[in-house]
PDB file of N, CA and C in Angstrom:
ATOM      1  N   UNK A   1       0.847  -1.189   0.000  1.00  0.00           N
ATOM      2  CA  UNK A   1       0.000   0.000   0.000  1.00  0.00           C
ATOM      3  C   UNK A   1       0.885   1.243   0.000  1.00  0.00           C
ATOM      4  N   UNK A   2       0.577   2.184  -0.861  1.00  0.00           N
ATOM      5  CA  UNK A   2       1.357   3.416  -0.958  1.00  0.00           C
ATOM      6  C   UNK A   2       1.154   4.266   0.296  1.00  0.00           C
ATOM      7  N   UNK A   3       2.232   4.890   0.739  1.00  0.00           N
ATOM      8  CA  UNK A   3       2.117   5.754   1.913  1.00  0.00           C
ATOM      9  C   UNK A   3       1.396   7.046   1.533  1.00  0.00           C
ATOM     10  N   UNK A   4       0.985   7.791   2.518  1.00  0.00           N
ATOM     11  CA  UNK A   4       0.238   9.026   2.289  1.00  0.00           C
ATOM     12  C   UNK A   4       1.088  10.078   1.582  1.00  0.00           C
ATOM     13  N   UNK A   5       2.416   9.975   1.660  1.00  0.00           N
ATOM     14  CA  UNK A   5       3.298  10.977   1.081  1.00  0.00           C
ATOM     15  C   UNK A   5       3.746  10.660  -0.348  1.00  0.00           C
ATOM     16  N   UNK A   6       3.343   9.509  -0.879  1.00  0.00           N
ATOM     17  CA  UNK A   6       3.789   9.116  -2.214  1.00  0.00           C
ATOM     18  C   UNK A   6       2.597   8.834  -3.108  1.00  0.00           C
ATOM     19  N   UNK A   7       2.711   9.261  -4.355  1.00  0.00           N
ATOM     20  CA  UNK A   7       1.694   8.950  -5.348  1.00  0.00           C
ATOM     21  C   UNK A   7       2.135   7.715  -6.118  1.00  0.00           C
ATOM     22  N   UNK A   8       1.195   6.921  -6.540  1.00  0.00           N
ATOM     23  CA  UNK A   8       1.468   5.736  -7.329  1.00  0.00           C
ATOM     24  C   UNK A   8       0.804   5.901  -8.677  1.00  0.00           C
ATOM     25  N   UNK A   9       1.576   5.735  -9.740  1.00  0.00           N
ATOM     26  CA  UNK A   9       1.053   5.866 -11.087  1.00  0.00           C
ATOM     27  C   UNK A   9       1.200   4.534 -11.807  1.00  0.00           C
ATOM     28  N   UNK A  10       0.167   4.135 -12.491  1.00  0.00           N
ATOM     29  CA  UNK A  10       0.206   2.942 -13.326  1.00  0.00           C
ATOM     30  C   UNK A  10       0.049   3.420 -14.766  1.00  0.00           C
ATOM     31  N   UNK A  11       1.030   3.081 -15.593  1.00  0.00           N
ATOM     32  CA  UNK A  11       1.038   3.552 -16.974  1.00  0.00           C
ATOM     33  C   UNK A  11       0.946   2.349 -17.900  1.00  0.00           C
ATOM     34  N   UNK A  12      -0.009   2.408 -18.821  1.00  0.00           N
ATOM     35  CA  UNK A  12      -0.164   1.362 -19.812  1.00  0.00           C
ATOM     36  C   UNK A  12       0.869   1.578 -20.918  1.00  0.00           C
ATOM     37  N   UNK A  13       1.713   0.591 -21.155  1.00  0.00           N
ATOM     38  CA  UNK A  13       2.804   0.720 -22.116  1.00  0.00           C
ATOM     39  C   UNK A  13       2.344   1.014 -23.534  1.00  0.00           C
ATOM     40  N   UNK A  14       1.277   0.364 -23.991  1.00  0.00           N
ATOM     41  CA  UNK A  14       0.829   0.585 -25.363  1.00  0.00           C
ATOM     42  C   UNK A  14       0.261   1.987 -25.545  1.00  0.00           C
ATOM     43  N   UNK A  15      -0.413   2.516 -24.540  1.00  0.00           N
ATOM     44  CA  UNK A  15      -0.875   3.904 -24.623  1.00  0.00           C
ATOM     45  C   UNK A  15       0.313   4.863 -24.652  1.00  0.00           C
ATOM     46  N   UNK A  16       1.349   4.550 -23.888  1.00  0.00           N
ATOM     47  CA  UNK A  16       2.555   5.375 -23.880  1.00  0.00           C
ATOM     48  C   UNK A  16       3.233   5.339 -25.250  1.00  0.00           C
ATOM     49  N   UNK A  17       3.342   4.157 -25.856  1.00  0.00           N
ATOM     50  CA  UNK A  17       3.949   4.035 -27.184  1.00  0.00           C
ATOM     51  C   UNK A  17       3.177   4.869 -28.195  1.00  0.00           C
ATOM     52  N   UNK A  18       1.864   4.755 -28.194  1.00  0.00           N
ATOM     53  CA  UNK A  18       1.062   5.514 -29.158  1.00  0.00           C
ATOM     54  C   UNK A  18       1.164   7.016 -28.924  1.00  0.00           C
ATOM     55  N   UNK A  19       1.227   7.441 -27.664  1.00  0.00           N
ATOM     56  CA  UNK A  19       1.402   8.860 -27.358  1.00  0.00           C
ATOM     57  C   UNK A  19       2.743   9.360 -27.882  1.00  0.00           C
ATOM     58  N   UNK A  20       3.803   8.603 -27.645  1.00  0.00           N
ATOM     59  CA  UNK A  20       5.129   9.015 -28.103  1.00  0.00           C
ATOM     60  C   UNK A  20       5.210   9.027 -29.619  1.00  0.00           C
ATOM     61  N   UNK A  21       4.513   8.128 -30.274  1.00  0.00           N
ATOM     62  CA  UNK A  21       4.484   8.120 -31.739  1.00  0.00           C
ATOM     63  C   UNK A  21       3.892   9.418 -32.278  1.00  0.00           C
ATOM     64  N   UNK A  22       2.891   9.944 -31.614  1.00  0.00           N
ATOM     65  CA  UNK A  22       2.269  11.200 -32.054  1.00  0.00           C
ATOM     66  C   UNK A  22       3.221  12.379 -31.907  1.00  0.00           C
ATOM     67  N   UNK A  23       4.120  12.323 -30.935  1.00  0.00           N
ATOM     68  CA  UNK A  23       5.073  13.408 -30.698  1.00  0.00           C
ATOM     69  C   UNK A  23       6.268  13.341 -31.639  1.00  0.00           C
ATOM     70  N   UNK A  24       6.567  12.164 -32.160  1.00  0.00           N
ATOM     71  CA  UNK A  24       7.768  11.937 -32.952  1.00  0.00           C
ATOM     72  C   UNK A  24       7.395  11.785 -34.425  1.00  0.00           C
ATOM     73  N   UNK A  25       7.949  12.638 -35.279  1.00  0.00           N
ATOM     74  CA  UNK A  25       7.602  12.618 -36.693  1.00  0.00           C
ATOM     75  C   UNK A  25       8.280  11.480 -37.457  1.00  0.00           C
ATOM     76  N   UNK A  26       9.273  10.822 -36.838  1.00  0.00           N
ATOM     77  CA  UNK A  26       9.940   9.715 -37.519  1.00  0.00           C
ATOM     78  C   UNK A  26       8.984   8.551 -37.720  1.00  0.00           C
ATOM     79  N   UNK A  27       9.267   7.727 -38.702  1.00  0.00           N
ATOM     80  CA  UNK A  27       8.446   6.539 -38.937  1.00  0.00           C
ATOM     81  C   UNK A  27       8.658   5.550 -37.787  1.00  0.00           C
ATOM     82  N   UNK A  28       7.605   5.202 -37.079  1.00  0.00           N
ATOM     83  CA  UNK A  28       7.761   4.287 -35.948  1.00  0.00           C
ATOM     84  C   UNK A  28       7.930   2.837 -36.407  1.00  0.00           C
ATOM     85  N   UNK A  29       8.512   2.031 -35.548  1.00  0.00           N
ATOM     86  CA  UNK A  29       8.608   0.605 -35.812  1.00  0.00           C
ATOM     87  C   UNK A  29       7.295  -0.075 -35.444  1.00  0.00           C
ATOM     88  N   UNK A  30       7.295  -1.385 -35.465  1.00  0.00           N
ATOM     89  CA  UNK A  30       6.098  -2.120 -35.070  1.00  0.00           C
ATOM     90  C   UNK A  30       5.865  -1.939 -33.570  1.00  0.00           C
ATOM     91  N   UNK A  31       4.662  -2.223 -33.127  1.00  0.00           N
ATOM     92  CA  UNK A  31       4.373  -2.125 -31.688  1.00  0.00           C
ATOM     93  C   UNK A  31       5.307  -3.030 -30.885  1.00  0.00           C
ATOM     94  N   UNK A  32       5.602  -4.211 -31.419  1.00  0.00           N
ATOM     95  CA  UNK A  32       6.492  -5.134 -30.712  1.00  0.00           C
ATOM     96  C   UNK A  32       7.900  -4.548 -30.583  1.00  0.00           C
ATOM     97  N   UNK A  33       8.401  -3.921 -31.641  1.00  0.00           N
ATOM     98  CA  UNK A  33       9.720  -3.283 -31.580  1.00  0.00           C
ATOM     99  C   UNK A  33       9.727  -2.137 -30.574  1.00  0.00           C
ATOM    100  N   UNK A  34       8.690  -1.335 -30.613  1.00  0.00           N
ATOM    101  CA  UNK A  34       8.587  -0.210 -29.680  1.00  0.00           C
ATOM    102  C   UNK A  34       8.467  -0.706 -28.242  1.00  0.00           C
ATOM    103  N   UNK A  35       7.737  -1.772 -28.042  1.00  0.00           N
ATOM    104  CA  UNK A  35       7.588  -2.376 -26.711  1.00  0.00           C
ATOM    105  C   UNK A  35       8.942  -2.836 -26.182  1.00  0.00           C
ATOM    106  N   UNK A  36       9.721  -3.510 -27.017  1.00  0.00           N
ATOM    107  CA  UNK A  36      11.041  -3.988 -26.608  1.00  0.00           C
ATOM    108  C   UNK A  36      11.964  -2.828 -26.261  1.00  0.00           C
ATOM    109  N   UNK A  37      11.902  -1.738 -27.047  1.00  0.00           N
ATOM    110  CA  UNK A  37      12.725  -0.555 -26.751  1.00  0.00           C
ATOM    111  C   UNK A  37      12.357   0.021 -25.383  1.00  0.00           C
ATOM    112  N   UNK A  38      11.056   0.071 -25.088  1.00  0.00           N
ATOM    113  CA  UNK A  38      10.614   0.629 -23.810  1.00  0.00           C
ATOM    114  C   UNK A  38      11.070  -0.267 -22.651  1.00  0.00           C
ATOM    115  N   UNK A  39      10.959  -1.563 -22.825  1.00  0.00           N
ATOM    116  CA  UNK A  39      11.409  -2.492 -21.781  1.00  0.00           C
ATOM    117  C   UNK A  39      12.890  -2.296 -21.517  1.00  0.00           C
ATOM    118  N   UNK A  40      13.689  -2.222 -22.591  1.00  0.00           N
ATOM    119  CA  UNK A  40      15.138  -2.029 -22.434  1.00  0.00           C
ATOM    120  C   UNK A  40      15.455  -0.697 -21.757  1.00  0.00           C
ATOM    121  N   UNK A  41      14.673   0.323 -22.060  1.00  0.00           N
ATOM    122  CA  UNK A  41      14.912   1.640 -21.495  1.00  0.00           C
ATOM    123  C   UNK A  41      14.645   1.680 -19.990  1.00  0.00           C
ATOM    124  N   UNK A  42      13.573   1.033 -19.548  1.00  0.00           N
ATOM    125  CA  UNK A  42      13.147   1.154 -18.150  1.00  0.00           C
ATOM    126  C   UNK A  42      13.603   0.030 -17.243  1.00  0.00           C
ATOM    127  N   UNK A  43      14.091  -1.062 -17.805  1.00  0.00           N
ATOM    128  CA  UNK A  43      14.532  -2.176 -16.938  1.00  0.00           C
ATOM    129  C   UNK A  43      16.005  -2.390 -16.971  1.00  0.00           C
TER     130      UNK A  43
END
């Protein structure tokens, strides 16, 4: 359980990928490629 002084955020990875695609004008890779990049970035 989160303490009263900390916020807990749950972020859906696929929504994050699609949001970042809208910000980036480059041609995106497949969802699977983007998913793997995100996993490598955060883990």
